[in-house]
C-alpha atoms as a PDB file:
ATOM      1  CA  MET A   1       0.000   0.000   0.000  1.00  0.00           C
ATOM      2  CA  PRO A   2       1.473   3.405  -0.957  1.00  0.00           C
ATOM      3  CA  ALA A   3       2.134   5.828   1.890  1.00  0.00           C
ATOM      4  CA  PRO A   4      -1.114   7.730   2.474  1.00  0.00           C
ATOM      5  CA  ARG A   5      -1.117  11.496   2.079  1.00  0.00           C
ATOM      6  CA  VAL A   6      -3.059  12.983   4.999  1.00  0.00           C
ATOM      7  CA  LEU A   7      -4.172  16.601   5.337  1.00  0.00           C
ATOM      8  CA  VAL A   8      -4.247  17.967   8.907  1.00  0.00           C
ATOM      9  CA  LEU A   9      -6.206  21.081   9.907  1.00  0.00           C
ATOM     10  CA  GLN A  10      -4.729  22.622  13.076  1.00  0.00           C
ATOM     11  CA  HIS A  11      -6.509  25.505  14.837  1.00  0.00           C
ATOM     12  CA  HIS A  12      -4.251  26.350  17.798  1.00  0.00           C
ATOM     13  CA  PRO A  13      -0.502  25.942  18.438  1.00  0.00           C
ATOM     14  CA  LEU A  14      -1.186  23.628  21.396  1.00  0.00           C
ATOM     15  CA  GLU A  15      -3.816  21.444  19.721  1.00  0.00           C
ATOM     16  CA  HIS A  16      -1.617  19.386  17.428  1.00  0.00           C
ATOM     17  CA  LEU A  17      -1.586  15.729  16.411  1.00  0.00           C
ATOM     18  CA  GLY A  18       0.386  14.470  19.412  1.00  0.00           C
ATOM     19  CA  ALA A  19       0.108  10.681  19.624  1.00  0.00           C
ATOM     20  CA  PHE A  20      -1.686  10.567  16.272  1.00  0.00           C
ATOM     21  CA  ALA A  21       1.444  11.964  14.583  1.00  0.00           C
ATOM     22  CA  ASP A  22       3.653   9.329  16.206  1.00  0.00           C
ATOM     23  CA  ALA A  23       1.498   6.489  14.900  1.00  0.00           C
ATOM     24  CA  LEU A  24       1.094   7.974  11.423  1.00  0.00           C
ATOM     25  CA  GLY A  25       4.813   8.688  11.187  1.00  0.00           C
ATOM     26  CA  ARG A  26       5.706   5.100  12.064  1.00  0.00           C
ATOM     27  CA  GLY A  27       3.251   3.953   9.397  1.00  0.00           C
ATOM     28  CA  GLY A  28       4.914   6.078   6.742  1.00  0.00           C
ATOM     29  CA  ALA A  29       2.065   8.536   6.213  1.00  0.00           C
ATOM     30  CA  ARG A  30       2.887  11.839   4.546  1.00  0.00           C
ATOM     31  CA  LEU A  31       1.394  14.589   6.718  1.00  0.00           C
ATOM     32  CA  GLU A  32       0.605  18.065   5.426  1.00  0.00           C
ATOM     33  CA  THR A  33      -0.558  20.474   8.124  1.00  0.00           C
ATOM     34  CA  VAL A  34      -2.514  23.669   7.533  1.00  0.00           C
ATOM     35  CA  ARG A  35      -2.102  25.986  10.549  1.00  0.00           C
ATOM     36  CA  SER A  36      -5.199  28.134  10.364  1.00  0.00           C
ATOM     37  CA  PHE A  37      -4.179  30.138  13.453  1.00  0.00           C
ATOM     38  CA  ALA A  38      -1.076  31.296  11.539  1.00  0.00           C
ATOM     39  CA  GLY A  39      -3.016  32.447   8.491  1.00  0.00           C
ATOM     40  CA  GLU A  40      -2.335  29.400   6.323  1.00  0.00           C
ATOM     41  CA  ARG A  41      -5.094  28.609   3.823  1.00  0.00           C
ATOM     42  CA  CYS A  42      -6.524  25.153   3.404  1.00  0.00           C
ATOM     43  CA  PRO A  43      -6.688  23.761  -0.140  1.00  0.00           C
ATOM     44  CA  ALA A  44      -9.855  24.143  -2.163  1.00  0.00           C
ATOM     45  CA  THR A  45     -10.111  20.441  -2.882  1.00  0.00           C
ATOM     46  CA  LEU A  46      -9.530  17.252  -0.924  1.00  0.00           C
ATOM     47  CA  ALA A  47      -8.953  15.215  -4.065  1.00  0.00           C
ATOM     48  CA  PRO A  48      -5.133  14.882  -3.796  1.00  0.00           C
ATOM     49  CA  TYR A  49      -5.354  13.476  -0.253  1.00  0.00           C
ATOM     50  CA  ASP A  50      -6.008  10.011   1.086  1.00  0.00           C
ATOM     51  CA  GLY A  51      -7.208  11.224   4.480  1.00  0.00           C
ATOM     52  CA  LEU A  52      -8.236  14.240   6.554  1.00  0.00           C
ATOM     53  CA  ILE A  53      -7.717  15.014  10.251  1.00  0.00           C
ATOM     54  CA  VAL A  54      -9.491  18.021  11.780  1.00  0.00           C
ATOM     55  CA  MET A  55      -8.081  18.884  15.190  1.00  0.00           C
ATOM     56  CA  GLY A  56      -9.515  20.752  18.159  1.00  0.00           C
ATOM     57  CA  GLY A  57      -9.457  24.413  19.088  1.00  0.00           C
ATOM     58  CA  PRO A  58     -10.922  26.916  21.562  1.00  0.00           C
ATOM     59  CA  MET A  59     -13.266  28.485  19.017  1.00  0.00           C
ATOM     60  CA  SER A  60     -16.844  27.485  18.172  1.00  0.00           C
ATOM     61  CA  VAL A  61     -17.972  26.185  14.783  1.00  0.00           C
ATOM     62  CA  GLY A  62     -20.109  29.239  14.017  1.00  0.00           C
ATOM     63  CA  GLU A  63     -17.521  31.956  14.683  1.00  0.00           C
ATOM     64  CA  ASP A  64     -17.010  32.745  11.002  1.00  0.00           C
ATOM     65  CA  ASP A  65     -16.727  36.464  11.729  1.00  0.00           C
ATOM     66  CA  LEU A  66     -13.688  35.842  13.951  1.00  0.00           C
ATOM     67  CA  HIS A  67     -12.274  32.894  12.019  1.00  0.00           C
ATOM     68  CA  PRO A  68     -13.328  33.110   8.359  1.00  0.00           C
ATOM     69  CA  TRP A  69     -11.255  30.016   7.522  1.00  0.00           C
ATOM     70  CA  LEU A  70     -13.992  27.949   9.185  1.00  0.00           C
ATOM     71  CA  ARG A  71     -16.014  28.290   5.964  1.00  0.00           C
ATOM     72  CA  ASP A  72     -13.198  26.742   3.921  1.00  0.00           C
ATOM     73  CA  GLU A  73     -12.797  23.930   6.425  1.00  0.00           C
ATOM     74  CA  ARG A  74     -16.505  23.124   6.355  1.00  0.00           C
ATOM     75  CA  ALA A  75     -16.265  22.926   2.562  1.00  0.00           C
ATOM     76  CA  LEU A  76     -13.439  20.381   2.845  1.00  0.00           C
ATOM     77  CA  VAL A  77     -15.390  18.364   5.403  1.00  0.00           C
ATOM     78  CA  ALA A  78     -18.363  18.348   3.034  1.00  0.00           C
ATOM     79  CA  GLN A  79     -16.094  16.902   0.344  1.00  0.00           C
ATOM     80  CA  ALA A  80     -14.876  14.243   2.785  1.00  0.00           C
ATOM     81  CA  LEU A  81     -18.457  13.242   3.556  1.00  0.00           C
ATOM     82  CA  ALA A  82     -19.409  13.118  -0.115  1.00  0.00           C
ATOM     83  CA  SER A  83     -16.393  10.983  -1.061  1.00  0.00           C
ATOM     84  CA  ASP A  84     -16.259   8.939   2.168  1.00  0.00           C
ATOM     85  CA  THR A  85     -12.596   9.874   2.521  1.00  0.00           C
ATOM     86  CA  PRO A  86     -11.008   8.516   5.725  1.00  0.00           C
ATOM     87  CA  THR A  87     -11.538  11.406   8.150  1.00  0.00           C
ATOM     88  CA  LEU A  88     -11.023  11.943  11.869  1.00  0.00           C
ATOM     89  CA  GLY A  89     -12.422  14.960  13.705  1.00  0.00           C
ATOM     90  CA  VAL A  90     -11.255  15.655  17.268  1.00  0.00           C
ATOM     91  CA  CYS A  91     -13.321  17.884  19.601  1.00  0.00           C
ATOM     92  CA  LEU A  92     -13.831  20.998  17.433  1.00  0.00           C
ATOM     93  CA  GLY A  93     -13.173  18.727  14.462  1.00  0.00           C
ATOM     94  CA  SER A  94     -16.036  16.448  15.473  1.00  0.00           C
ATOM     95  CA  GLN A  95     -18.273  19.485  15.909  1.00  0.00           C
ATOM     96  CA  LEU A  96     -17.413  20.691  12.402  1.00  0.00           C
ATOM     97  CA  ILE A  97     -18.268  17.284  10.949  1.00  0.00           C
ATOM     98  CA  ALA A  98     -21.551  17.216  12.865  1.00  0.00           C
ATOM     99  CA  ALA A  99     -22.422  20.751  11.718  1.00  0.00           C
ATOM    100  CA  VAL A 100     -21.717  19.960   8.064  1.00  0.00           C
ATOM    101  CA  ALA A 101     -23.936  16.869   8.431  1.00  0.00           C
ATOM    102  CA  GLY A 102     -26.781  19.101   9.627  1.00  0.00           C
ATOM    103  CA  ALA A 103     -26.641  18.658  13.403  1.00  0.00           C
ATOM    104  CA  PRO A 104     -26.938  21.784  15.595  1.00  0.00           C
ATOM    105  CA  VAL A 105     -23.791  22.516  17.605  1.00  0.00           C
ATOM    106  CA  ALA A 106     -24.361  24.495  20.800  1.00  0.00           C
ATOM    107  CA  PRO A 107     -23.301  24.670  24.460  1.00  0.00           C
ATOM    108  CA  GLY A 108     -24.309  21.542  26.316  1.00  0.00           C
ATOM    109  CA  PRO A 109     -25.752  21.258  29.825  1.00  0.00           C
ATOM    110  CA  VAL A 110     -22.350  21.401  31.520  1.00  0.00           C
ATOM    111  CA  PRO A 111     -18.765  21.742  30.305  1.00  0.00           C
ATOM    112  CA  GLU A 112     -16.629  18.621  30.395  1.00  0.00           C
ATOM    113  CA  VAL A 113     -13.067  19.526  31.361  1.00  0.00           C
ATOM    114  CA  GLY A 114     -11.108  16.640  32.804  1.00  0.00           C
ATOM    115  CA  TRP A 115     -11.050  12.859  32.626  1.00  0.00           C
ATOM    116  CA  TYR A 116     -14.371  11.154  31.954  1.00  0.00           C
ATOM    117  CA  ARG A 117     -15.512   7.571  31.534  1.00  0.00           C
ATOM    118  CA  ILE A 118     -16.408   6.781  27.919  1.00  0.00           C
ATOM    119  CA  HIS A 119     -18.845   3.937  27.245  1.00  0.00           C
ATOM    120  CA  PRO A 120     -19.098   2.219  23.848  1.00  0.00           C
ATOM    121  CA  THR A 121     -22.576   1.783  22.400  1.00  0.00           C
ATOM    122  CA  ALA A 122     -24.058  -1.482  21.187  1.00  0.00           C
ATOM    123  CA  GLU A 123     -23.361  -0.380  17.613  1.00  0.00           C
ATOM    124  CA  ALA A 124     -19.639   0.004  18.432  1.00  0.00           C
ATOM    125  CA  ALA A 125     -19.264  -3.785  18.498  1.00  0.00           C
ATOM    126  CA  ARG A 126     -19.824  -3.798  14.720  1.00  0.00           C
ATOM    127  CA  ASP A 127     -17.555  -0.859  13.920  1.00  0.00           C
ATOM    128  CA  PRO A 128     -14.077  -1.419  12.412  1.00  0.00           C
ATOM    129  CA  LEU A 129     -12.418   1.086  14.774  1.00  0.00           C
ATOM    130  CA  PHE A 130     -14.418   0.448  17.956  1.00  0.00           C
ATOM    131  CA  ALA A 131     -15.241  -3.267  17.763  1.00  0.00           C
ATOM    132  CA  ASP A 132     -12.945  -4.244  20.648  1.00  0.00           C
ATOM    133  CA  VAL A 133     -13.528  -1.149  22.810  1.00  0.00           C
ATOM    134  CA  THR A 134     -14.481  -1.486  26.474  1.00  0.00           C
ATOM    135  CA  PRO A 135     -15.244   1.480  28.787  1.00  0.00           C
ATOM    136  CA  PHE A 136     -12.185   3.734  29.064  1.00  0.00           C
ATOM    137  CA  ALA A 137     -11.056   7.093  30.423  1.00  0.00           C
ATOM    138  CA  ALA A 138     -10.504  10.014  28.051  1.00  0.00           C
ATOM    139  CA  LEU A 139      -9.601  13.659  28.466  1.00  0.00           C
ATOM    140  CA  GLU A 140     -12.460  16.025  27.643  1.00  0.00           C
ATOM    141  CA  TRP A 141     -12.127  19.770  27.106  1.00  0.00           C
ATOM    142  CA  HIS A 142     -15.324  21.133  25.601  1.00  0.00           C
ATOM    143  CA  ARG A 143     -18.541  23.015  26.255  1.00  0.00           C
ATOM    144  CA  ASP A 144     -20.165  22.730  22.840  1.00  0.00           C
ATOM    145  CA  ALA A 145     -21.744  19.455  21.750  1.00  0.00           C
ATOM    146  CA  PHE A 146     -24.314  18.098  19.304  1.00  0.00           C
ATOM    147  CA  PRO A 147     -26.998  15.439  18.827  1.00  0.00           C
ATOM    148  CA  LEU A 148     -26.303  12.491  16.566  1.00  0.00           C
ATOM    149  CA  PRO A 149     -26.226  13.713  12.949  1.00  0.00           C
ATOM    150  CA  LEU A 150     -28.830  12.244  10.620  1.00  0.00           C
ATOM    151  CA  GLY A 151     -27.572   8.953   9.227  1.00  0.00           C
ATOM    152  CA  ALA A 152     -24.676   8.670  11.690  1.00  0.00           C
ATOM    153  CA  VAL A 153     -23.887   5.716  13.938  1.00  0.00           C
ATOM    154  CA  ALA A 154     -23.338   6.509  17.626  1.00  0.00           C
ATOM    155  CA  LEU A 155     -20.223   4.752  18.937  1.00  0.00           C
ATOM    156  CA  ALA A 156     -19.628   6.104  22.461  1.00  0.00           C
ATOM    157  CA  SER A 157     -21.194   8.204  25.215  1.00  0.00           C
ATOM    158  CA  SER A 158     -20.391   9.711  28.602  1.00  0.00           C
ATOM    159  CA  ALA A 159     -22.621  10.321  31.618  1.00  0.00           C
ATOM    160  CA  GLN A 160     -23.506  13.842  30.459  1.00  0.00           C
ATOM    161  CA  TYR A 161     -23.246  13.563  26.679  1.00  0.00           C
ATOM    162  CA  PRO A 162     -24.871  10.734  24.709  1.00  0.00           C
ATOM    163  CA  VAL A 163     -22.755  11.385  21.594  1.00  0.00           C
ATOM    164  CA  GLN A 164     -19.033  11.205  22.324  1.00  0.00           C
ATOM    165  CA  ALA A 165     -18.058   9.378  19.139  1.00  0.00           C
ATOM    166  CA  PHE A 166     -19.861   8.713  15.866  1.00  0.00           C
ATOM    167  CA  ARG A 167     -19.331   7.486  12.320  1.00  0.00           C
ATOM    168  CA  LEU A 168     -20.808   8.856   9.107  1.00  0.00           C
ATOM    169  CA  GLY A 169     -20.644   6.633   6.057  1.00  0.00           C
ATOM    170  CA  ARG A 170     -17.926   4.013   6.361  1.00  0.00           C
ATOM    171  CA  ARG A 171     -14.870   6.136   7.080  1.00  0.00           C
ATOM    172  CA  VAL A 172     -15.722   9.546   8.607  1.00  0.00           C
ATOM    173  CA  TYR A 173     -15.388   9.635  12.393  1.00  0.00           C
ATOM    174  CA  GLY A 174     -15.895  12.283  15.066  1.00  0.00           C
ATOM    175  CA  LEU A 175     -14.463  12.101  18.599  1.00  0.00           C
ATOM    176  CA  LEU A 176     -15.541  14.714  21.136  1.00  0.00           C
ATOM    177  CA  PHE A 177     -12.710  13.627  23.472  1.00  0.00           C
ATOM    178  CA  HIS A 178      -8.914  13.816  23.213  1.00  0.00           C
ATOM    179  CA  LEU A 179      -6.666  10.767  22.863  1.00  0.00           C
ATOM    180  CA  GLU A 180      -3.628  12.569  21.448  1.00  0.00           C
ATOM    181  CA  ILE A 181      -2.393  14.267  24.631  1.00  0.00           C
ATOM    182  CA  ASP A 182       0.533  13.723  26.998  1.00  0.00           C
ATOM    183  CA  ASP A 183       1.166  15.012  30.520  1.00  0.00           C
ATOM    184  CA  ALA A 184       3.210  17.995  29.352  1.00  0.00           C
ATOM    185  CA  LEU A 185       0.580  19.056  26.848  1.00  0.00           C
ATOM    186  CA  ILE A 186      -2.185  18.837  29.443  1.00  0.00           C
ATOM    187  CA  GLY A 187      -0.158  21.186  31.641  1.00  0.00           C
ATOM    188  CA  ARG A 188       0.178  23.642  28.771  1.00  0.00           C
ATOM    189  CA  TRP A 189      -3.575  23.480  28.147  1.00  0.00           C
ATOM    190  CA  CYS A 190      -4.189  24.268  31.809  1.00  0.00           C
ATOM    191  CA  ASP A 191      -1.959  27.334  31.483  1.00  0.00           C
ATOM    192  CA  ALA A 192      -3.492  28.482  28.204  1.00  0.00           C
ATOM    193  CA  PHE A 193      -7.168  27.642  28.703  1.00  0.00           C
ATOM    194  CA  ALA A 194      -7.738  27.397  32.472  1.00  0.00           C
ATOM    195  CA  ASP A 195      -5.580  30.182  33.943  1.00  0.00           C
ATOM    196  CA  GLY A 196      -3.107  27.634  35.257  1.00  0.00           C
ATOM    197  CA  ASN A 197      -5.699  25.655  37.229  1.00  0.00           C
ATOM    198  CA  ARG A 198      -4.542  22.016  37.431  1.00  0.00           C
ATOM    199  CA  SER A 199      -7.663  20.818  39.264  1.00  0.00           C
ATOM    200  CA  LEU A 200      -9.360  19.144  36.346  1.00  0.00           C
ATOM    201  CA  GLY A 201     -12.745  17.598  36.964  1.00  0.00           C
ATOM    202  CA  GLY A 202     -14.251  14.410  35.647  1.00  0.00           C
ATOM    203  CA  ASP A 203     -15.453  11.027  36.823  1.00  0.00           C
ATOM    204  CA  ALA A 204     -12.446   8.880  35.824  1.00  0.00           C
ATOM    205  CA  ALA A 205      -8.810   8.510  36.824  1.00  0.00           C
ATOM    206  CA  PRO A 206      -6.295   9.973  34.335  1.00  0.00           C
ATOM    207  CA  ASP A 207      -4.812   7.385  31.979  1.00  0.00           C
ATOM    208  CA  VAL A 208      -2.620   8.986  29.313  1.00  0.00           C
ATOM    209  CA  VAL A 209      -0.942   5.700  28.368  1.00  0.00           C
ATOM    210  CA  ALA A 210      -4.219   3.936  27.597  1.00  0.00           C
ATOM    211  CA  ALA A 211      -5.534   7.004  25.739  1.00  0.00           C
ATOM    212  CA  ASN A 212      -2.454   7.046  23.510  1.00  0.00           C
ATOM    213  CA  ARG A 213      -2.757   3.324  22.811  1.00  0.00           C
ATOM    214  CA  ARG A 214      -6.305   3.900  21.647  1.00  0.00           C
ATOM    215  CA  ALA A 215      -5.141   6.842  19.495  1.00  0.00           C
ATOM    216  CA  VAL A 216      -2.617   4.588  17.778  1.00  0.00           C
ATOM    217  CA  THR A 217      -5.240   1.899  17.134  1.00  0.00           C
ATOM    218  CA  ILE A 218      -7.684   4.385  15.618  1.00  0.00           C
ATOM    219  CA  VAL A 219      -5.267   6.003  13.162  1.00  0.00           C
ATOM    220  CA  GLU A 220      -3.706   2.692  12.171  1.00  0.00           C
ATOM    221  CA  ARG A 221      -7.101   1.210  11.337  1.00  0.00           C
ATOM    222  CA  LEU A 222      -8.485   4.323   9.655  1.00  0.00           C
ATOM    223  CA  PHE A 223      -5.500   5.611   7.672  1.00  0.00           C
ATOM    224  CA  LEU A 224      -2.891   2.854   7.468  1.00  0.00           C
ATOM    225  CA  SER A 225      -4.845  -0.337   6.835  1.00  0.00           C
ATOM    226  CA  ALA A 226      -4.959  -1.601   3.275  1.00  0.00           C
END
């Protein structure tokens, strides 16, 4: 199988691929990153790429007046949905996918910031990426959320949010949680997004190692499998 060419949309200096990059690099993937926060423009077409990863960010999906590049990103996501291109959306990325698919994205009942228990759905047992998933801990850092987009398959939930992971088509996935992080990056997020507060909430014990293992499994199955 030729090395896949994967486009990455990054929205903040601290919200990068992390563990996803490690796994993709070992698999020989060619990564091309568009740093929207630095004024880089995303391509008009997804056609030259074998995959798309849309990372997180502190903005909301509807803030086009502040971040006009969101329009271009939604157009690329729409192309990914139409072509069923292997796609992974993380936090904001999952919200963008949901919005393009017609689901309303808005603040949920409570913010999730910290480590939360993620429960696979019954449908997850038949999904190529989630078939062997048991309940696990994941880092959450969001306020906005969404209902299940029309035609999507729900794959995971938490106590407060019934849609934590979903699939559209065969190969477009959204994850509201973060698997790509490490301890140092979490500390930087606390400094940047929580005024240095290290007292993260949640209902699960932190488990960076297990989160990273799951990140590796997801990108290997989605982008590197023949």
